[in-house]
Amino acid sequence: MGSVLSPSEVDYVPETVIRSVKLLVAGNFGVGKTTFVGSVSEIKPLRTEETITEASVGVDDMAGLSGKSTTTVAMDFGRITLSPKLALYLFGTPGQQRFVPLWEELARGALGALVLVDTRRIDKADEVLAVLEERGVPYSVAVNQFEGMPAYPLSEVRDALDLTPDTPLTILDARDRGTCLRSLITLVEYLFHRMEGSQ
């Protein structure tokens, strides 16, 4: 795909860019979507985070998320020039089920989605995957490997999520730009191969 430009080299879309792609960064509540977008974006990301209040008690499942104090209420937005000719526009979705109508709006025009999953709450990924499948949005999956958490073989994760054999599955650390970029490249290659195969 060519070399990736660093954030310090560009804050506008270079004149060489001839193609842009809208991608979703999806996943359940607390999986690391905001961190992911912030790690890869070459522009200052747009964030719509708000402090979690008592109003979320009994509404948002905070199990396993004791340190979480904010949540995305609309979207995260970032941009990355993946190659001199290709720019990706990233739209991070809120994670809670009540935001499904917003997910649907954000999915309009998206070529595909990168779904982040957390093996501590793997069952929570089902609703996100179901929404994407119902709307025909192709996706790849990336395990956000949280520090200190056990690492499971990807084959076990694939089985737990009931992914088809051709669905790309990667591991990343949402704080690490390099692993995030590799997962994005995997997704883009998968999407382009699908497009070529349908022609």
N, C-alpha and C. Protein backbone atom coordinates (compact mmCIF):
# COMPACT_ATOMS: atom_id res chain seq x y z
N MET A 1 0.80 -1.19 0.00
CA MET A 1 0.00 0.00 0.00
C MET A 1 0.85 1.26 0.00
N GLY A 2 2.14 1.14 0.05
CA GLY A 2 3.00 2.32 0.07
C GLY A 2 3.28 2.74 1.50
N SER A 3 4.10 3.77 1.64
CA SER A 3 4.48 4.21 2.97
C SER A 3 3.38 5.07 3.58
N VAL A 4 3.32 5.04 4.89
CA VAL A 4 2.33 5.81 5.62
C VAL A 4 2.95 7.12 6.05
N LEU A 5 2.25 8.21 5.82
CA LEU A 5 2.75 9.51 6.21
C LEU A 5 2.58 9.70 7.71
N SER A 6 3.55 10.34 8.36
CA SER A 6 3.45 10.55 9.80
C SER A 6 2.60 11.78 10.09
N PRO A 7 2.03 11.86 11.30
CA PRO A 7 1.16 12.98 11.64
C PRO A 7 1.84 14.33 11.50
N SER A 8 3.16 14.41 11.71
CA SER A 8 3.86 15.68 11.64
C SER A 8 4.05 16.16 10.21
N GLU A 9 3.86 15.30 9.23
CA GLU A 9 4.11 15.67 7.84
C GLU A 9 2.90 16.26 7.15
N VAL A 10 1.70 16.06 7.70
CA VAL A 10 0.51 16.49 6.98
C VAL A 10 -0.63 16.81 7.93
N ASP A 11 -1.32 17.94 7.68
CA ASP A 11 -2.54 18.23 8.43
C ASP A 11 -3.67 18.59 7.47
N TYR A 12 -3.47 18.36 6.21
CA TYR A 12 -4.46 18.56 5.17
C TYR A 12 -4.36 17.37 4.22
N VAL A 13 -5.37 17.22 3.36
CA VAL A 13 -5.31 16.10 2.42
C VAL A 13 -4.32 16.46 1.32
N PRO A 14 -3.26 15.68 1.14
CA PRO A 14 -2.28 15.99 0.11
C PRO A 14 -2.90 15.98 -1.29
N GLU A 15 -2.33 16.77 -2.18
CA GLU A 15 -2.85 16.86 -3.55
C GLU A 15 -2.75 15.53 -4.29
N THR A 16 -1.89 14.64 -3.82
CA THR A 16 -1.72 13.35 -4.49
C THR A 16 -2.90 12.41 -4.25
N VAL A 17 -3.69 12.69 -3.19
CA VAL A 17 -4.80 11.80 -2.84
C VAL A 17 -5.87 11.86 -3.93
N ILE A 18 -6.16 10.69 -4.51
CA ILE A 18 -7.17 10.61 -5.56
C ILE A 18 -8.36 9.75 -5.13
N ARG A 19 -8.26 9.16 -3.93
CA ARG A 19 -9.34 8.29 -3.46
C ARG A 19 -9.48 8.44 -1.96
N SER A 20 -10.72 8.55 -1.51
CA SER A 20 -10.98 8.59 -0.07
C SER A 20 -12.01 7.53 0.28
N VAL A 21 -11.91 7.02 1.49
CA VAL A 21 -12.77 5.93 1.93
C VAL A 21 -13.28 6.26 3.33
N LYS A 22 -14.57 6.08 3.53
CA LYS A 22 -15.18 6.23 4.85
C LYS A 22 -15.23 4.86 5.52
N LEU A 23 -14.69 4.79 6.73
CA LEU A 23 -14.70 3.55 7.50
C LEU A 23 -15.27 3.79 8.88
N LEU A 24 -15.98 2.81 9.39
CA LEU A 24 -16.45 2.85 10.77
C LEU A 24 -15.43 2.17 11.67
N VAL A 25 -15.28 2.69 12.87
CA VAL A 25 -14.56 1.99 13.93
C VAL A 25 -15.64 1.69 14.97
N ALA A 26 -16.04 0.43 15.02
CA ALA A 26 -17.19 0.03 15.83
C ALA A 26 -16.74 -0.91 16.95
N GLY A 27 -17.66 -1.16 17.85
CA GLY A 27 -17.37 -2.06 18.96
C GLY A 27 -18.24 -1.70 20.13
N ASN A 28 -18.30 -2.59 21.10
CA ASN A 28 -19.15 -2.36 22.26
C ASN A 28 -18.54 -1.31 23.19
N PHE A 29 -19.30 -0.94 24.17
CA PHE A 29 -18.94 0.07 25.17
C PHE A 29 -17.61 -0.27 25.85
N GLY A 30 -16.67 0.70 25.86
CA GLY A 30 -15.43 0.53 26.60
C GLY A 30 -14.37 -0.30 25.92
N VAL A 31 -14.49 -0.55 24.62
CA VAL A 31 -13.55 -1.45 23.94
C VAL A 31 -12.30 -0.73 23.43
N GLY A 32 -12.31 0.62 23.39
CA GLY A 32 -11.12 1.34 22.97
C GLY A 32 -11.22 2.07 21.65
N LYS A 33 -12.42 2.37 21.19
CA LYS A 33 -12.60 3.02 19.89
C LYS A 33 -12.03 4.44 19.87
N THR A 34 -12.30 5.21 20.91
CA THR A 34 -11.81 6.59 20.98
C THR A 34 -10.28 6.60 21.01
N THR A 35 -9.71 5.70 21.79
CA THR A 35 -8.25 5.60 21.86
C THR A 35 -7.67 5.22 20.51
N PHE A 36 -8.30 4.27 19.82
CA PHE A 36 -7.86 3.84 18.50
C PHE A 36 -7.84 5.01 17.52
N VAL A 37 -8.95 5.73 17.41
CA VAL A 37 -9.01 6.85 16.46
C VAL A 37 -7.95 7.88 16.79
N GLY A 38 -7.77 8.18 18.07
CA GLY A 38 -6.74 9.12 18.48
C GLY A 38 -5.34 8.66 18.15
N SER A 39 -5.10 7.35 18.20
CA SER A 39 -3.76 6.81 17.93
C SER A 39 -3.37 6.93 16.47
N VAL A 40 -4.33 6.79 15.56
CA VAL A 40 -3.97 6.74 14.14
C VAL A 40 -4.23 8.04 13.38
N SER A 41 -5.07 8.92 13.93
CA SER A 41 -5.46 10.11 13.17
C SER A 41 -4.29 11.07 13.00
N GLU A 42 -4.12 11.57 11.77
CA GLU A 42 -3.07 12.54 11.49
C GLU A 42 -3.54 13.97 11.74
N ILE A 43 -4.83 14.14 12.01
CA ILE A 43 -5.37 15.43 12.42
C ILE A 43 -5.84 15.29 13.86
N LYS A 44 -6.05 16.41 14.53
CA LYS A 44 -6.59 16.35 15.88
C LYS A 44 -7.98 15.74 15.78
N PRO A 45 -8.22 14.59 16.43
CA PRO A 45 -9.52 13.94 16.27
C PRO A 45 -10.65 14.73 16.91
N LEU A 46 -11.80 14.65 16.29
CA LEU A 46 -13.02 15.20 16.88
C LEU A 46 -13.53 14.16 17.86
N ARG A 47 -13.80 14.59 19.08
CA ARG A 47 -14.31 13.67 20.09
C ARG A 47 -15.57 14.25 20.71
N THR A 48 -16.48 13.39 21.03
CA THR A 48 -17.72 13.83 21.69
C THR A 48 -17.88 13.06 22.99
N GLU A 49 -16.85 13.09 23.80
CA GLU A 49 -16.88 12.37 25.07
C GLU A 49 -17.51 13.22 26.16
N GLU A 50 -18.28 12.56 26.99
CA GLU A 50 -18.89 13.20 28.15
C GLU A 50 -18.64 12.34 29.38
N THR A 51 -18.65 12.98 30.52
CA THR A 51 -18.46 12.27 31.78
C THR A 51 -19.65 11.34 32.04
N ILE A 52 -19.33 10.14 32.46
CA ILE A 52 -20.38 9.18 32.83
C ILE A 52 -20.99 9.64 34.15
N THR A 53 -22.31 9.76 34.16
CA THR A 53 -23.01 10.24 35.36
C THR A 53 -23.87 9.14 35.97
N GLU A 54 -24.54 9.48 37.04
CA GLU A 54 -25.43 8.52 37.70
C GLU A 54 -26.58 8.09 36.80
N ALA A 55 -26.87 8.89 35.79
CA ALA A 55 -27.97 8.54 34.87
C ALA A 55 -27.68 7.25 34.12
N SER A 56 -26.40 6.87 34.04
CA SER A 56 -26.06 5.64 33.31
C SER A 56 -26.17 4.39 34.18
N VAL A 57 -26.37 4.58 35.47
CA VAL A 57 -26.50 3.43 36.37
C VAL A 57 -27.73 2.61 35.98
N GLY A 58 -27.51 1.32 35.78
CA GLY A 58 -28.59 0.44 35.38
C GLY A 58 -28.89 0.49 33.90
N VAL A 59 -28.21 1.39 33.17
CA VAL A 59 -28.40 1.51 31.72
C VAL A 59 -27.17 0.99 30.99
N ASP A 60 -26.01 1.50 31.38
CA ASP A 60 -24.75 1.06 30.78
C ASP A 60 -24.12 -0.03 31.62
N ASP A 61 -23.69 -1.10 30.97
CA ASP A 61 -23.05 -2.21 31.66
C ASP A 61 -21.60 -1.86 31.92
N MET A 62 -21.29 -1.51 33.17
CA MET A 62 -19.94 -1.09 33.55
C MET A 62 -19.09 -2.25 34.07
N ALA A 63 -19.60 -3.47 34.00
CA ALA A 63 -18.85 -4.63 34.51
C ALA A 63 -17.51 -4.73 33.79
N GLY A 64 -16.44 -4.80 34.57
CA GLY A 64 -15.10 -4.91 34.01
C GLY A 64 -14.51 -3.60 33.54
N LEU A 65 -15.21 -2.48 33.76
CA LEU A 65 -14.74 -1.18 33.28
C LEU A 65 -14.64 -0.19 34.44
N SER A 66 -14.07 -0.61 35.53
CA SER A 66 -14.06 0.20 36.75
C SER A 66 -13.35 1.54 36.58
N GLY A 67 -12.38 1.63 35.68
CA GLY A 67 -11.64 2.88 35.49
C GLY A 67 -12.23 3.81 34.46
N LYS A 68 -13.33 3.42 33.85
CA LYS A 68 -13.91 4.23 32.77
C LYS A 68 -14.75 5.36 33.34
N SER A 69 -14.44 6.60 32.96
CA SER A 69 -15.16 7.76 33.51
C SER A 69 -15.84 8.61 32.43
N THR A 70 -15.54 8.35 31.15
CA THR A 70 -16.17 9.09 30.06
C THR A 70 -16.69 8.13 29.01
N THR A 71 -17.59 8.63 28.17
CA THR A 71 -18.14 7.82 27.09
C THR A 71 -18.44 8.70 25.89
N THR A 72 -18.32 8.13 24.69
CA THR A 72 -18.65 8.84 23.46
C THR A 72 -20.17 8.91 23.32
N VAL A 73 -20.68 10.11 23.03
CA VAL A 73 -22.13 10.28 22.93
C VAL A 73 -22.59 10.56 21.50
N ALA A 74 -21.68 10.76 20.58
CA ALA A 74 -22.08 10.96 19.18
C ALA A 74 -21.14 10.18 18.26
N MET A 75 -19.88 10.61 18.20
CA MET A 75 -18.91 9.90 17.37
C MET A 75 -17.52 10.43 17.65
N ASP A 76 -16.54 9.69 17.19
CA ASP A 76 -15.16 10.15 17.10
C ASP A 76 -14.87 10.28 15.61
N PHE A 77 -14.05 11.24 15.22
CA PHE A 77 -13.72 11.41 13.82
C PHE A 77 -12.23 11.66 13.68
N GLY A 78 -11.62 10.96 12.74
CA GLY A 78 -10.21 11.17 12.45
C GLY A 78 -9.93 10.89 10.99
N ARG A 79 -8.73 11.23 10.57
CA ARG A 79 -8.33 11.00 9.18
C ARG A 79 -6.90 10.51 9.15
N ILE A 80 -6.64 9.59 8.23
CA ILE A 80 -5.28 9.11 8.02
C ILE A 80 -5.04 8.94 6.53
N THR A 81 -3.88 9.43 6.08
CA THR A 81 -3.48 9.22 4.69
C THR A 81 -2.72 7.91 4.67
N LEU A 82 -3.39 6.86 4.22
CA LEU A 82 -2.82 5.51 4.30
C LEU A 82 -1.71 5.31 3.27
N SER A 83 -1.83 5.96 2.14
CA SER A 83 -0.78 5.97 1.12
C SER A 83 -0.86 7.34 0.46
N PRO A 84 0.12 7.72 -0.37
CA PRO A 84 0.05 9.04 -1.01
C PRO A 84 -1.22 9.27 -1.83
N LYS A 85 -1.93 8.18 -2.20
CA LYS A 85 -3.12 8.33 -3.03
C LYS A 85 -4.43 8.03 -2.31
N LEU A 86 -4.36 7.55 -1.06
CA LEU A 86 -5.56 7.08 -0.37
C LEU A 86 -5.69 7.68 1.02
N ALA A 87 -6.83 8.34 1.27
CA ALA A 87 -7.13 8.88 2.59
C ALA A 87 -8.30 8.12 3.19
N LEU A 88 -8.18 7.80 4.46
CA LEU A 88 -9.26 7.12 5.19
C LEU A 88 -9.88 8.11 6.16
N TYR A 89 -11.21 8.17 6.14
CA TYR A 89 -11.96 8.97 7.10
C TYR A 89 -12.59 8.00 8.10
N LEU A 90 -12.21 8.14 9.35
CA LEU A 90 -12.62 7.19 10.39
C LEU A 90 -13.72 7.79 11.25
N PHE A 91 -14.80 7.04 11.38
CA PHE A 91 -15.93 7.45 12.21
C PHE A 91 -16.10 6.43 13.32
N GLY A 92 -15.72 6.81 14.54
CA GLY A 92 -15.89 5.92 15.68
C GLY A 92 -17.29 6.03 16.23
N THR A 93 -17.94 4.90 16.43
CA THR A 93 -19.32 4.88 16.89
C THR A 93 -19.38 4.80 18.41
N PRO A 94 -20.46 5.31 19.02
CA PRO A 94 -20.68 5.04 20.45
C PRO A 94 -20.91 3.54 20.64
N GLY A 95 -20.66 3.05 21.84
CA GLY A 95 -20.72 1.62 22.04
C GLY A 95 -22.02 1.06 22.58
N GLN A 96 -22.88 1.91 23.13
CA GLN A 96 -24.07 1.39 23.79
C GLN A 96 -25.19 1.09 22.80
N GLN A 97 -25.97 0.07 23.14
CA GLN A 97 -27.08 -0.38 22.29
C GLN A 97 -28.06 0.73 21.98
N ARG A 98 -28.26 1.66 22.90
CA ARG A 98 -29.23 2.73 22.67
C ARG A 98 -28.84 3.66 21.52
N PHE A 99 -27.59 3.55 21.06
CA PHE A 99 -27.13 4.40 19.97
C PHE A 99 -27.23 3.72 18.60
N VAL A 100 -27.92 2.59 18.51
CA VAL A 100 -28.04 1.88 17.23
C VAL A 100 -28.54 2.80 16.11
N PRO A 101 -29.54 3.67 16.32
CA PRO A 101 -29.94 4.58 15.23
C PRO A 101 -28.79 5.45 14.73
N LEU A 102 -27.91 5.86 15.64
CA LEU A 102 -26.75 6.66 15.24
C LEU A 102 -25.76 5.81 14.47
N TRP A 103 -25.58 4.54 14.88
CA TRP A 103 -24.70 3.64 14.13
C TRP A 103 -25.18 3.56 12.69
N GLU A 104 -26.49 3.43 12.51
CA GLU A 104 -27.06 3.29 11.16
C GLU A 104 -26.76 4.53 10.32
N GLU A 105 -26.88 5.70 10.93
CA GLU A 105 -26.58 6.94 10.20
C GLU A 105 -25.10 7.02 9.85
N LEU A 106 -24.25 6.68 10.79
CA LEU A 106 -22.81 6.73 10.53
C LEU A 106 -22.40 5.71 9.47
N ALA A 107 -23.14 4.61 9.36
CA ALA A 107 -22.80 3.56 8.39
C ALA A 107 -23.10 3.97 6.95
N ARG A 108 -23.93 4.99 6.75
CA ARG A 108 -24.27 5.42 5.39
C ARG A 108 -23.01 5.86 4.65
N GLY A 109 -22.77 5.22 3.52
CA GLY A 109 -21.61 5.58 2.70
C GLY A 109 -20.30 4.96 3.14
N ALA A 110 -20.32 4.19 4.22
CA ALA A 110 -19.08 3.56 4.70
C ALA A 110 -18.76 2.34 3.86
N LEU A 111 -17.51 2.21 3.47
CA LEU A 111 -17.09 1.06 2.69
C LEU A 111 -17.04 -0.19 3.56
N GLY A 112 -16.75 -0.01 4.84
CA GLY A 112 -16.68 -1.15 5.75
C GLY A 112 -16.40 -0.68 7.16
N ALA A 113 -16.15 -1.63 8.05
CA ALA A 113 -15.95 -1.32 9.47
C ALA A 113 -14.84 -2.18 10.05
N LEU A 114 -14.12 -1.58 10.98
CA LEU A 114 -13.20 -2.32 11.82
C LEU A 114 -13.88 -2.45 13.18
N VAL A 115 -14.14 -3.68 13.60
CA VAL A 115 -14.83 -3.93 14.86
C VAL A 115 -13.80 -4.31 15.91
N LEU A 116 -13.71 -3.49 16.96
CA LEU A 116 -12.81 -3.80 18.06
C LEU A 116 -13.55 -4.67 19.07
N VAL A 117 -12.84 -5.66 19.59
CA VAL A 117 -13.42 -6.53 20.61
C VAL A 117 -12.47 -6.63 21.80
N ASP A 118 -13.05 -6.90 22.95
CA ASP A 118 -12.33 -7.04 24.20
C ASP A 118 -12.62 -8.44 24.72
N THR A 119 -11.59 -9.27 24.87
CA THR A 119 -11.82 -10.66 25.25
C THR A 119 -12.39 -10.79 26.66
N ARG A 120 -12.32 -9.72 27.47
CA ARG A 120 -12.94 -9.77 28.81
C ARG A 120 -14.46 -9.73 28.70
N ARG A 121 -14.95 -9.17 27.58
CA ARG A 121 -16.40 -9.01 27.39
C ARG A 121 -16.75 -9.41 25.95
N ILE A 122 -16.25 -10.56 25.54
CA ILE A 122 -16.38 -10.99 24.14
C ILE A 122 -17.84 -11.13 23.71
N ASP A 123 -18.70 -11.51 24.64
CA ASP A 123 -20.12 -11.69 24.30
C ASP A 123 -20.79 -10.38 23.90
N LYS A 124 -20.24 -9.26 24.35
CA LYS A 124 -20.82 -7.95 24.03
C LYS A 124 -20.63 -7.58 22.56
N ALA A 125 -19.73 -8.26 21.87
CA ALA A 125 -19.48 -7.95 20.45
C ALA A 125 -20.61 -8.43 19.56
N ASP A 126 -21.40 -9.38 20.02
CA ASP A 126 -22.44 -9.97 19.17
C ASP A 126 -23.42 -8.94 18.62
N GLU A 127 -23.87 -8.00 19.47
CA GLU A 127 -24.87 -7.03 19.00
C GLU A 127 -24.29 -6.11 17.94
N VAL A 128 -23.03 -5.74 18.06
CA VAL A 128 -22.40 -4.87 17.07
C VAL A 128 -22.26 -5.61 15.74
N LEU A 129 -21.78 -6.84 15.80
CA LEU A 129 -21.63 -7.63 14.57
C LEU A 129 -22.98 -7.86 13.90
N ALA A 130 -24.01 -8.09 14.71
CA ALA A 130 -25.35 -8.32 14.16
C ALA A 130 -25.86 -7.09 13.42
N VAL A 131 -25.65 -5.90 13.99
CA VAL A 131 -26.10 -4.66 13.35
C VAL A 131 -25.40 -4.48 12.01
N LEU A 132 -24.10 -4.72 11.95
CA LEU A 132 -23.36 -4.57 10.70
C LEU A 132 -23.82 -5.60 9.65
N GLU A 133 -24.02 -6.83 10.10
CA GLU A 133 -24.45 -7.88 9.17
C GLU A 133 -25.85 -7.59 8.62
N GLU A 134 -26.75 -7.12 9.47
CA GLU A 134 -28.11 -6.80 9.03
C GLU A 134 -28.11 -5.69 7.98
N ARG A 135 -27.15 -4.79 8.06
CA ARG A 135 -27.09 -3.66 7.14
C ARG A 135 -26.13 -3.90 5.98
N GLY A 136 -25.56 -5.10 5.92
CA GLY A 136 -24.67 -5.45 4.81
C GLY A 136 -23.36 -4.70 4.79
N VAL A 137 -22.88 -4.30 5.97
CA VAL A 137 -21.59 -3.59 6.05
C VAL A 137 -20.49 -4.62 6.27
N PRO A 138 -19.57 -4.78 5.31
CA PRO A 138 -18.47 -5.73 5.52
C PRO A 138 -17.53 -5.23 6.62
N TYR A 139 -16.91 -6.17 7.31
CA TYR A 139 -16.06 -5.77 8.43
C TYR A 139 -14.91 -6.74 8.63
N SER A 140 -13.90 -6.25 9.32
CA SER A 140 -12.88 -7.12 9.89
C SER A 140 -12.91 -6.89 11.40
N VAL A 141 -12.28 -7.78 12.14
CA VAL A 141 -12.33 -7.73 13.60
C VAL A 141 -10.90 -7.62 14.12
N ALA A 142 -10.74 -6.79 15.16
CA ALA A 142 -9.43 -6.66 15.81
C ALA A 142 -9.60 -6.79 17.32
N VAL A 143 -8.82 -7.65 17.91
CA VAL A 143 -8.83 -7.83 19.36
C VAL A 143 -7.96 -6.75 19.97
N ASN A 144 -8.56 -5.90 20.79
CA ASN A 144 -7.78 -4.89 21.53
C ASN A 144 -7.23 -5.58 22.76
N GLN A 145 -5.93 -5.83 22.75
CA GLN A 145 -5.30 -6.58 23.82
C GLN A 145 -4.98 -5.65 24.99
N PHE A 146 -5.84 -5.64 26.00
CA PHE A 146 -5.64 -4.78 27.16
C PHE A 146 -4.50 -5.30 28.01
N GLU A 147 -3.75 -4.38 28.57
CA GLU A 147 -2.58 -4.72 29.38
C GLU A 147 -2.97 -5.58 30.57
N GLY A 148 -2.21 -6.66 30.76
CA GLY A 148 -2.44 -7.54 31.89
C GLY A 148 -3.53 -8.57 31.69
N MET A 149 -4.19 -8.52 30.53
CA MET A 149 -5.25 -9.49 30.26
C MET A 149 -4.67 -10.70 29.52
N PRO A 150 -5.22 -11.89 29.72
CA PRO A 150 -4.70 -13.06 29.02
C PRO A 150 -4.91 -12.94 27.51
N ALA A 151 -3.93 -13.42 26.76
CA ALA A 151 -4.03 -13.41 25.30
C ALA A 151 -4.55 -14.77 24.85
N TYR A 152 -5.60 -14.78 24.07
CA TYR A 152 -6.19 -16.01 23.58
C TYR A 152 -5.78 -16.23 22.13
N PRO A 153 -5.61 -17.48 21.71
CA PRO A 153 -5.32 -17.74 20.29
C PRO A 153 -6.44 -17.17 19.42
N LEU A 154 -6.07 -16.63 18.27
CA LEU A 154 -7.07 -16.05 17.38
C LEU A 154 -8.10 -17.07 16.94
N SER A 155 -7.69 -18.35 16.87
CA SER A 155 -8.65 -19.38 16.48
C SER A 155 -9.78 -19.49 17.51
N GLU A 156 -9.45 -19.32 18.79
CA GLU A 156 -10.48 -19.37 19.83
C GLU A 156 -11.39 -18.15 19.76
N VAL A 157 -10.80 -16.99 19.48
CA VAL A 157 -11.60 -15.77 19.34
C VAL A 157 -12.54 -15.90 18.14
N ARG A 158 -12.01 -16.44 17.05
CA ARG A 158 -12.84 -16.63 15.84
C ARG A 158 -14.03 -17.54 16.15
N ASP A 159 -13.78 -18.62 16.87
CA ASP A 159 -14.86 -19.53 17.22
C ASP A 159 -15.87 -18.87 18.16
N ALA A 160 -15.37 -18.11 19.14
CA ALA A 160 -16.26 -17.45 20.10
C ALA A 160 -17.17 -16.44 19.43
N LEU A 161 -16.67 -15.78 18.38
CA LEU A 161 -17.46 -14.78 17.66
C LEU A 161 -18.21 -15.38 16.48
N ASP A 162 -17.96 -16.66 16.19
CA ASP A 162 -18.60 -17.34 15.07
C ASP A 162 -18.35 -16.60 13.75
N LEU A 163 -17.09 -16.22 13.54
CA LEU A 163 -16.71 -15.48 12.33
C LEU A 163 -16.54 -16.46 11.16
N THR A 164 -16.86 -16.01 9.97
CA THR A 164 -16.62 -16.81 8.78
C THR A 164 -15.11 -16.91 8.55
N PRO A 165 -14.65 -17.95 7.87
CA PRO A 165 -13.21 -18.13 7.67
C PRO A 165 -12.54 -16.98 6.93
N ASP A 166 -13.29 -16.26 6.09
CA ASP A 166 -12.67 -15.18 5.31
C ASP A 166 -12.69 -13.83 6.03
N THR A 167 -13.32 -13.75 7.20
CA THR A 167 -13.33 -12.48 7.94
C THR A 167 -11.96 -12.25 8.57
N PRO A 168 -11.28 -11.15 8.21
CA PRO A 168 -9.95 -10.90 8.80
C PRO A 168 -10.04 -10.68 10.30
N LEU A 169 -9.06 -11.23 11.02
CA LEU A 169 -9.01 -11.12 12.47
C LEU A 169 -7.58 -10.81 12.87
N THR A 170 -7.39 -9.69 13.55
CA THR A 170 -6.05 -9.25 13.95
C THR A 170 -6.03 -8.92 15.44
N ILE A 171 -4.83 -8.65 15.95
CA ILE A 171 -4.65 -8.22 17.33
C ILE A 171 -4.01 -6.83 17.30
N LEU A 172 -4.45 -5.96 18.21
CA LEU A 172 -3.83 -4.64 18.29
C LEU A 172 -3.84 -4.15 19.73
N ASP A 173 -3.10 -3.08 19.94
CA ASP A 173 -3.16 -2.32 21.18
C ASP A 173 -3.63 -0.94 20.75
N ALA A 174 -4.82 -0.53 21.16
CA ALA A 174 -5.41 0.72 20.67
C ALA A 174 -4.56 1.94 20.97
N ARG A 175 -3.59 1.80 21.87
CA ARG A 175 -2.69 2.92 22.17
C ARG A 175 -1.50 2.97 21.24
N ASP A 176 -1.29 1.90 20.48
CA ASP A 176 -0.09 1.76 19.65
C ASP A 176 -0.42 1.98 18.18
N ARG A 177 0.10 3.05 17.61
CA ARG A 177 -0.22 3.41 16.23
C ARG A 177 0.15 2.31 15.24
N GLY A 178 1.28 1.66 15.45
CA GLY A 178 1.74 0.64 14.51
C GLY A 178 0.78 -0.53 14.39
N THR A 179 0.33 -1.08 15.52
CA THR A 179 -0.60 -2.21 15.46
C THR A 179 -1.96 -1.78 14.92
N CYS A 180 -2.37 -0.55 15.25
CA CYS A 180 -3.64 -0.04 14.73
C CYS A 180 -3.58 0.10 13.21
N LEU A 181 -2.46 0.62 12.70
CA LEU A 181 -2.31 0.77 11.26
C LEU A 181 -2.35 -0.57 10.55
N ARG A 182 -1.69 -1.57 11.14
CA ARG A 182 -1.70 -2.90 10.51
C ARG A 182 -3.13 -3.44 10.39
N SER A 183 -3.93 -3.22 11.43
CA SER A 183 -5.32 -3.69 11.38
C SER A 183 -6.12 -2.92 10.34
N LEU A 184 -5.89 -1.62 10.21
CA LEU A 184 -6.58 -0.83 9.19
C LEU A 184 -6.18 -1.27 7.79
N ILE A 185 -4.90 -1.51 7.58
CA ILE A 185 -4.43 -1.97 6.27
C ILE A 185 -5.06 -3.31 5.92
N THR A 186 -5.13 -4.21 6.91
CA THR A 186 -5.78 -5.51 6.69
C THR A 186 -7.23 -5.32 6.25
N LEU A 187 -7.94 -4.41 6.91
CA LEU A 187 -9.33 -4.14 6.55
C LEU A 187 -9.43 -3.58 5.14
N VAL A 188 -8.62 -2.60 4.81
CA VAL A 188 -8.69 -1.96 3.49
C VAL A 188 -8.37 -2.97 2.39
N GLU A 189 -7.36 -3.79 2.59
CA GLU A 189 -7.03 -4.82 1.59
C GLU A 189 -8.19 -5.79 1.40
N TYR A 190 -8.83 -6.17 2.51
CA TYR A 190 -9.98 -7.07 2.46
C TYR A 190 -11.13 -6.43 1.67
N LEU A 191 -11.40 -5.18 1.93
CA LEU A 191 -12.49 -4.48 1.25
C LEU A 191 -12.22 -4.34 -0.24
N PHE A 192 -10.99 -4.00 -0.58
CA PHE A 192 -10.65 -3.85 -2.01
C PHE A 192 -10.70 -5.18 -2.75
N HIS A 193 -10.28 -6.25 -2.07
CA HIS A 193 -10.37 -7.59 -2.70
C HIS A 193 -11.83 -7.97 -2.93
N ARG A 194 -12.68 -7.63 -1.97
CA ARG A 194 -14.12 -7.90 -2.14
C ARG A 194 -14.68 -7.14 -3.34
N MET A 195 -14.26 -5.88 -3.46
CA MET A 195 -14.74 -5.07 -4.57
C MET A 195 -14.28 -5.64 -5.91
N GLU A 196 -13.02 -6.05 -5.96
CA GLU A 196 -12.48 -6.63 -7.19
C GLU A 196 -13.19 -7.93 -7.53
N GLY A 197 -13.50 -8.73 -6.50
CA GLY A 197 -14.17 -10.01 -6.73
C GLY A 197 -15.60 -9.88 -7.20
N SER A 198 -16.23 -8.72 -6.90
CA SER A 198 -17.63 -8.54 -7.30
C SER A 198 -17.78 -7.92 -8.69
N GLN A 199 -16.65 -7.57 -9.31
CA GLN A 199 -16.72 -6.93 -10.65
C GLN A 199 -16.67 -7.96 -11.75
